[in-house]
Every structure is written in structure tokens, then in C-alpha cells.
Amino acid sequence: MKNKSEKSINAIFKEGTPIDKALKKAVQEALMRHKQAGNPIVVWRNGKIVWLKPEEIVVQ
């Protein structure tokens, strides 16, 4: 039986906020792992691909 506080998957997708929060958290974790491991990342800036050195990666 479902707990009353649990939302259905349809409600979660309709609302979107929990999914957005989970994606933002996952991105921040991935950025932190790259930075800690000393690996660069690629970002899109002004219509161009730019490589960021680990020390340039901003993690919130």
C-alpha cells in the first residue's frame, strides 16, 4: 500500500520540481567529482565549445 505522503509518478512528472532538483544535484555532484579527480569538463559558451580546467570548474 502506498504511503499517503508519496506522490504518484504522474504527479511528480506533472509538477516537475522534484525532477529539476534531482537533476541539479546530480550535475553538481558530477562537477565536484571532475574537479576532485583533476579532470577538465566541456561547456558551451557563446556558440563555441570551451574546455574548463579543474580549477576553473565552479561548484555551488
C-alpha atoms as a PDB file:
ATOM      1  CA  MET A   1       0.000   0.000   0.000  1.00  0.00           C
ATOM      2  CA  LYS A   2       1.212   3.480  -0.845  1.00  0.00           C
ATOM      3  CA  ASN A   3       2.136   5.905   1.926  1.00  0.00           C
ATOM      4  CA  LYS A   4      -0.157   8.976   1.879  1.00  0.00           C
ATOM      5  CA  SER A   5       2.865  11.305   1.627  1.00  0.00           C
ATOM      6  CA  GLU A   6       4.128   9.577  -1.530  1.00  0.00           C
ATOM      7  CA  LYS A   7       3.152  11.121  -4.849  1.00  0.00           C
ATOM      8  CA  SER A   8       2.333   9.165  -7.955  1.00  0.00           C
ATOM      9  CA  ILE A   9       4.927   9.240 -10.707  1.00  0.00           C
ATOM     10  CA  ASN A  10       2.435  11.103 -12.895  1.00  0.00           C
ATOM     11  CA  ALA A  11       2.083  13.862 -10.303  1.00  0.00           C
ATOM     12  CA  ILE A  12       5.864  14.139  -9.973  1.00  0.00           C
ATOM     13  CA  PHE A  13       6.327  14.495 -13.736  1.00  0.00           C
ATOM     14  CA  LYS A  14       3.471  16.993 -13.969  1.00  0.00           C
ATOM     15  CA  GLU A  15       4.920  19.149 -11.185  1.00  0.00           C
ATOM     16  CA  GLY A  16       8.493  18.847 -12.448  1.00  0.00           C
ATOM     17  CA  THR A  17      10.136  20.482  -9.425  1.00  0.00           C
ATOM     18  CA  PRO A  18      11.419  17.278  -7.761  1.00  0.00           C
ATOM     19  CA  ILE A  19      12.916  16.182 -11.073  1.00  0.00           C
ATOM     20  CA  ASP A  20      14.574  19.563 -11.603  1.00  0.00           C
ATOM     21  CA  LYS A  21      16.063  19.448  -8.098  1.00  0.00           C
ATOM     22  CA  ALA A  22      17.376  15.917  -8.627  1.00  0.00           C
ATOM     23  CA  LEU A  23      18.989  16.879 -11.945  1.00  0.00           C
ATOM     24  CA  LYS A  24      20.642  19.983 -10.462  1.00  0.00           C
ATOM     25  CA  LYS A  25      22.003  17.908  -7.570  1.00  0.00           C
ATOM     26  CA  ALA A  26      23.350  15.267  -9.971  1.00  0.00           C
ATOM     27  CA  VAL A  27      25.086  17.916 -12.106  1.00  0.00           C
ATOM     28  CA  GLN A  28      26.722  19.491  -9.049  1.00  0.00           C
ATOM     29  CA  GLU A  29      27.938  16.065  -7.883  1.00  0.00           C
ATOM     30  CA  ALA A  30      29.374  15.304 -11.331  1.00  0.00           C
ATOM     31  CA  LEU A  31      31.153  18.680 -11.434  1.00  0.00           C
ATOM     32  CA  MET A  32      32.613  18.068  -7.976  1.00  0.00           C
ATOM     33  CA  ARG A  33      33.876  14.622  -8.985  1.00  0.00           C
ATOM     34  CA  HIS A  34      35.555  16.020 -12.101  1.00  0.00           C
ATOM     35  CA  LYS A  35      37.143  18.823 -10.092  1.00  0.00           C
ATOM     36  CA  GLN A  36      38.392  16.464  -7.347  1.00  0.00           C
ATOM     37  CA  ALA A  37      39.772  13.986  -9.877  1.00  0.00           C
ATOM     38  CA  GLY A  38      41.562  16.741 -11.773  1.00  0.00           C
ATOM     39  CA  ASN A  39      39.546  16.184 -14.948  1.00  0.00           C
ATOM     40  CA  PRO A  40      38.509  19.035 -17.253  1.00  0.00           C
ATOM     41  CA  ILE A  41      34.944  19.499 -18.475  1.00  0.00           C
ATOM     42  CA  VAL A  42      33.487  20.874 -21.688  1.00  0.00           C
ATOM     43  CA  VAL A  43      30.944  23.703 -21.690  1.00  0.00           C
ATOM     44  CA  TRP A  44      29.138  25.649 -24.399  1.00  0.00           C
ATOM     45  CA  ARG A  45      29.891  29.399 -24.364  1.00  0.00           C
ATOM     46  CA  ASN A  46      28.959  31.964 -26.976  1.00  0.00           C
ATOM     47  CA  GLY A  47      28.274  29.285 -29.551  1.00  0.00           C
ATOM     48  CA  LYS A  48      31.619  27.556 -29.028  1.00  0.00           C
ATOM     49  CA  ILE A  49      32.964  24.540 -27.176  1.00  0.00           C
ATOM     50  CA  VAL A  50      35.234  25.556 -24.296  1.00  0.00           C
ATOM     51  CA  TRP A  51      37.360  23.253 -22.135  1.00  0.00           C
ATOM     52  CA  LEU A  52      37.493  24.222 -18.450  1.00  0.00           C
ATOM     53  CA  LYS A  53      40.443  23.194 -16.327  1.00  0.00           C
ATOM     54  CA  PRO A  54      39.535  21.574 -12.983  1.00  0.00           C
ATOM     55  CA  GLU A  55      40.457  24.756 -11.104  1.00  0.00           C
ATOM     56  CA  GLU A  56      38.010  26.723 -13.293  1.00  0.00           C
ATOM     57  CA  ILE A  57      35.039  24.473 -12.506  1.00  0.00           C
ATOM     58  CA  VAL A  58      32.521  26.233 -10.275  1.00  0.00           C
ATOM     59  CA  VAL A  59      30.593  24.016  -7.877  1.00  0.00           C
ATOM     60  CA  GLN A  60      27.772  25.518  -5.824  1.00  0.00           C
END
